[in-house]
Every structure is written in structure tokens, then in C-alpha cells.
C-alpha atoms as a PDB file:
ATOM      1  CA  UNK A   1      -0.385  -0.406  -0.173  1.00  0.00           C
ATOM      2  CA  UNK A   2       1.379   3.709  -0.796  1.00  0.00           C
ATOM      3  CA  UNK A   3       2.095   5.944   1.930  1.00  0.00           C
ATOM      4  CA  UNK A   4       3.366   9.370   1.839  1.00  0.00           C
ATOM      5  CA  UNK A   5       7.209   9.329   3.207  1.00  0.00           C
ATOM      6  CA  UNK A   6       6.865  13.310   4.168  1.00  0.00           C
ATOM      7  CA  UNK A   7       4.302  15.375   5.197  1.00  0.00           C
ATOM      8  CA  UNK A   8       2.804  17.077   2.887  1.00  0.00           C
ATOM      9  CA  UNK A   9       3.832  20.929   3.707  1.00  0.00           C
ATOM     10  CA  UNK A  10       1.181  24.181   3.636  1.00  0.00           C
ATOM     11  CA  UNK A  11       2.928  25.944   1.181  1.00  0.00           C
ATOM     12  CA  UNK A  12       2.589  22.587  -1.452  1.00  0.00           C
ATOM     13  CA  UNK A  13      -0.855  22.090  -0.308  1.00  0.00           C
ATOM     14  CA  UNK A  14      -1.839  25.821  -0.902  1.00  0.00           C
ATOM     15  CA  UNK A  15      -0.337  25.871  -4.494  1.00  0.00           C
ATOM     16  CA  UNK A  16      -2.118  22.339  -5.073  1.00  0.00           C
ATOM     17  CA  UNK A  17      -5.011  24.307  -4.314  1.00  0.00           C
ATOM     18  CA  UNK A  18      -4.947  27.160  -5.817  1.00  0.00           C
ATOM     19  CA  UNK A  19      -7.355  26.281  -8.925  1.00  0.00           C
ATOM     20  CA  UNK A  20     -10.101  25.214  -6.402  1.00  0.00           C
ATOM     21  CA  UNK A  21     -11.200  28.932  -6.013  1.00  0.00           C
ATOM     22  CA  UNK A  22     -14.861  29.391  -7.270  1.00  0.00           C
ATOM     23  CA  UNK A  23     -15.397  30.909 -10.973  1.00  0.00           C
ATOM     24  CA  UNK A  24     -16.248  34.507 -10.358  1.00  0.00           C
ATOM     25  CA  UNK A  25     -19.514  35.679 -11.335  1.00  0.00           C
ATOM     26  CA  UNK A  26     -20.532  36.562 -15.085  1.00  0.00           C
ATOM     27  CA  UNK A  27     -23.030  39.542 -14.627  1.00  0.00           C
ATOM     28  CA  UNK A  28     -24.611  41.537 -17.878  1.00  0.00           C
ATOM     29  CA  UNK A  29     -26.509  44.579 -17.912  1.00  0.00           C
ATOM     30  CA  UNK A  30     -29.994  44.410 -17.931  1.00  0.00           C
ATOM     31  CA  UNK A  31     -31.411  45.497 -21.316  1.00  0.00           C
ATOM     32  CA  UNK A  32     -34.543  47.645 -19.842  1.00  0.00           C
ATOM     33  CA  UNK A  33     -32.768  49.200 -16.584  1.00  0.00           C
ATOM     34  CA  UNK A  34     -29.147  48.880 -17.312  1.00  0.00           C
ATOM     35  CA  UNK A  35     -28.422  47.199 -13.594  1.00  0.00           C
ATOM     36  CA  UNK A  36     -25.766  44.399 -13.573  1.00  0.00           C
ATOM     37  CA  UNK A  37     -27.443  41.018 -13.570  1.00  0.00           C
ATOM     38  CA  UNK A  38     -26.800  37.273 -13.869  1.00  0.00           C
ATOM     39  CA  UNK A  39     -27.392  35.966 -17.471  1.00  0.00           C
ATOM     40  CA  UNK A  40     -30.766  34.354 -18.018  1.00  0.00           C
ATOM     41  CA  UNK A  41     -32.714  35.221 -14.909  1.00  0.00           C
ATOM     42  CA  UNK A  42     -34.915  37.536 -13.680  1.00  0.00           C
ATOM     43  CA  UNK A  43     -33.608  41.342 -13.170  1.00  0.00           C
ATOM     44  CA  UNK A  44     -33.323  42.029  -9.199  1.00  0.00           C
ATOM     45  CA  UNK A  45     -33.704  45.998 -10.084  1.00  0.00           C
ATOM     46  CA  UNK A  46     -36.936  45.778 -12.464  1.00  0.00           C
ATOM     47  CA  UNK A  47     -38.194  42.456 -12.603  1.00  0.00           C
ATOM     48  CA  UNK A  48     -38.070  41.922 -16.259  1.00  0.00           C
ATOM     49  CA  UNK A  49     -37.168  38.929 -18.071  1.00  0.00           C
ATOM     50  CA  UNK A  50     -36.825  39.038 -22.296  1.00  0.00           C
ATOM     51  CA  UNK A  51     -39.137  42.180 -22.319  1.00  0.00           C
ATOM     52  CA  UNK A  52     -41.703  40.864 -19.775  1.00  0.00           C
ATOM     53  CA  UNK A  53     -42.510  41.765 -16.525  1.00  0.00           C
ATOM     54  CA  UNK A  54     -42.065  38.457 -14.567  1.00  0.00           C
ATOM     55  CA  UNK A  55     -41.967  39.664 -10.668  1.00  0.00           C
ATOM     56  CA  UNK A  56     -43.474  42.713  -9.265  1.00  0.00           C
ATOM     57  CA  UNK A  57     -40.448  45.364  -7.306  1.00  0.00           C
ATOM     58  CA  UNK A  58     -41.939  46.888  -4.743  1.00  0.00           C
ATOM     59  CA  UNK A  59     -40.046  50.450  -4.448  1.00  0.00           C
END
């Protein structure tokens, strides 16, 4: 059975894990109000999606 001969140092462990971070969220401007929002989602600012009002937003 294969067993590590030495303990993995903090430096080596952290170097290996540098790619494990979550990707940055993609944002696109809402065509209705211009507020940045996640693509293919209802705009949290105006409540529109694909030119239709989907949710009611209280002012």
C-alpha cells in the first residue's frame, strides 16, 4: 500500500489548491434598466426578463 513518506507542507498544499477557487460570477447589463444581473435570470432591480415583467418589485 502506498503511503506518503513525508508530510505535505502548507506551501505545497496551498499551491495545489490555488485552482480550487470558485469562478467569478458572470454579469451582464439588463436591457430594460441597465443594472448588472446574472444572464438568463429575472432582473432583481426591475423584475423584467425577455421583455416581460415577471416579478413585481416594490419601490
